[in-house]
Amino acid sequence: MPVYLQILLLIVAFIIFVGLAMFAGGWGVRRMCFKIIAEMEEARAFSVGKAVVLQDERKNIFRVGTGNIRPKALNLLIADGLVIKTPKGKYYLDKDKLAQMKSKAI
């Protein structure tokens, strides 16, 4: 097999690997978002009075890996407006946004 063809195949394999890694990372964050929403629904955290405390930052800055996607998922939910942070550092779900999200999923 010619060298230029080997280099081309290596580049294509690298692009596929990076794409799959990005897909897997996004899938993990998405799964964690649904897990956070389910926890908050179970706690019935739909108002400021029933807001719950959630882990919003890394427990250990030196720990890397998939265990650190929870804060990232929570920040995405806050950015989308599904989760609202109170001044006391607690979180609750926006019922209207949650209903819109569920209606779009169906």
Protein backbone atom coordinates (compact mmCIF):
# COMPACT_ATOMS: atom_id res chain seq x y z
CA MET A 1 0.00 0.00 0.00
CA PRO A 2 1.45 3.39 -0.95
CA VAL A 3 2.55 5.74 1.84
CA TYR A 4 0.23 8.58 0.77
CA LEU A 5 -2.74 6.21 1.03
CA GLN A 6 -1.66 5.12 4.52
CA ILE A 7 -1.40 8.76 5.62
CA LEU A 8 -4.81 9.50 4.16
CA LEU A 9 -6.36 6.51 5.98
CA LEU A 10 -4.69 7.57 9.23
CA ILE A 11 -6.14 11.07 8.91
CA VAL A 12 -9.62 9.69 8.18
CA ALA A 13 -9.38 7.30 11.15
CA PHE A 14 -8.31 10.18 13.40
CA ILE A 15 -11.25 12.33 12.27
CA ILE A 16 -13.67 9.46 12.91
CA PHE A 17 -12.16 8.87 16.36
CA VAL A 18 -12.46 12.55 17.34
CA GLY A 19 -16.05 12.65 16.07
CA LEU A 20 -17.01 9.58 18.08
CA ALA A 21 -15.33 10.99 21.20
CA MET A 22 -17.25 14.25 20.84
CA PHE A 23 -20.51 12.35 20.29
CA ALA A 24 -19.92 10.21 23.38
CA GLY A 25 -19.14 13.30 25.48
CA GLY A 26 -22.31 15.05 24.33
CA TRP A 27 -24.34 11.92 24.98
CA GLY A 28 -22.98 11.76 28.54
CA VAL A 29 -23.86 15.40 29.24
CA ARG A 30 -27.35 14.88 27.78
CA ARG A 31 -27.87 11.83 29.98
CA MET A 32 -26.73 13.78 33.04
CA CYS A 33 -29.15 16.62 32.20
CA PHE A 34 -32.05 14.18 32.18
CA LYS A 35 -30.81 12.70 35.46
CA ILE A 36 -30.70 16.14 37.12
CA ILE A 37 -34.21 16.95 35.84
CA ALA A 38 -35.52 13.62 37.15
CA GLU A 39 -33.97 14.25 40.58
CA MET A 40 -35.52 17.69 40.77
CA GLU A 41 -38.93 16.42 39.62
CA GLU A 42 -38.78 13.71 42.27
CA ALA A 43 -38.04 16.35 44.91
CA ARG A 44 -40.87 18.47 43.45
CA ALA A 45 -38.55 21.46 43.19
CA PHE A 46 -40.82 23.70 41.11
CA SER A 47 -40.68 26.87 43.20
CA VAL A 48 -38.29 28.95 45.25
CA GLY A 49 -39.73 27.53 48.47
CA LYS A 50 -39.03 23.94 47.40
CA ALA A 51 -35.64 24.59 45.78
CA VAL A 52 -32.97 21.95 46.35
CA VAL A 53 -29.20 22.03 46.77
CA LEU A 54 -27.25 20.54 43.85
CA GLN A 55 -23.54 20.04 43.24
CA ASP A 56 -22.65 22.93 40.97
CA GLU A 57 -18.87 22.75 41.00
CA ARG A 58 -16.19 20.10 41.04
CA LYS A 59 -15.57 18.39 44.34
CA ASN A 60 -11.90 17.92 43.56
CA ILE A 61 -10.17 20.06 40.97
CA PHE A 62 -7.56 17.36 40.29
CA ARG A 63 -10.16 14.72 39.48
CA VAL A 64 -10.83 14.59 35.77
CA GLY A 65 -13.06 12.37 33.73
CA THR A 66 -16.74 11.68 33.35
CA GLY A 67 -17.53 12.38 37.00
CA ASN A 68 -17.12 16.08 36.33
CA ILE A 69 -19.92 16.40 33.77
CA ARG A 70 -22.61 17.08 36.39
CA PRO A 71 -21.63 20.76 36.87
CA LYS A 72 -21.39 21.20 33.11
CA ALA A 73 -24.84 19.69 32.62
CA LEU A 74 -26.28 21.91 35.36
CA ASN A 75 -24.78 25.00 33.70
CA LEU A 76 -26.36 23.99 30.39
CA LEU A 77 -29.76 23.61 32.06
CA ILE A 78 -29.39 27.04 33.66
CA ALA A 79 -28.39 28.57 30.31
CA ASP A 80 -31.48 27.00 28.67
CA GLY A 81 -33.70 28.39 31.43
CA LEU A 82 -34.93 24.97 32.60
CA VAL A 83 -33.25 25.33 35.99
CA ILE A 84 -33.23 28.56 37.98
CA LYS A 85 -30.73 29.36 40.72
CA THR A 86 -31.94 31.17 43.83
CA PRO A 87 -29.84 33.79 45.63
CA LYS A 88 -29.27 31.25 48.42
CA GLY A 89 -27.55 28.85 46.00
CA LYS A 90 -30.44 26.42 45.60
CA TYR A 91 -32.05 25.32 42.34
CA TYR A 92 -35.58 24.71 41.07
CA LEU A 93 -37.22 23.79 37.77
CA ASP A 94 -39.21 26.18 35.60
CA LYS A 95 -42.48 24.30 35.04
CA ASP A 96 -43.37 26.14 31.83
CA LYS A 97 -40.00 25.54 30.16
CA LEU A 98 -40.08 21.90 31.27
CA ALA A 99 -43.55 21.44 29.75
CA GLN A 100 -42.33 23.02 26.48
CA MET A 101 -39.32 20.70 26.41
CA LYS A 102 -41.46 17.62 27.03
CA SER A 103 -43.97 18.65 24.34
CA LYS A 104 -41.15 19.03 21.80
CA ALA A 105 -39.76 15.58 22.70
CA ILE A 106 -43.05 13.87 21.85
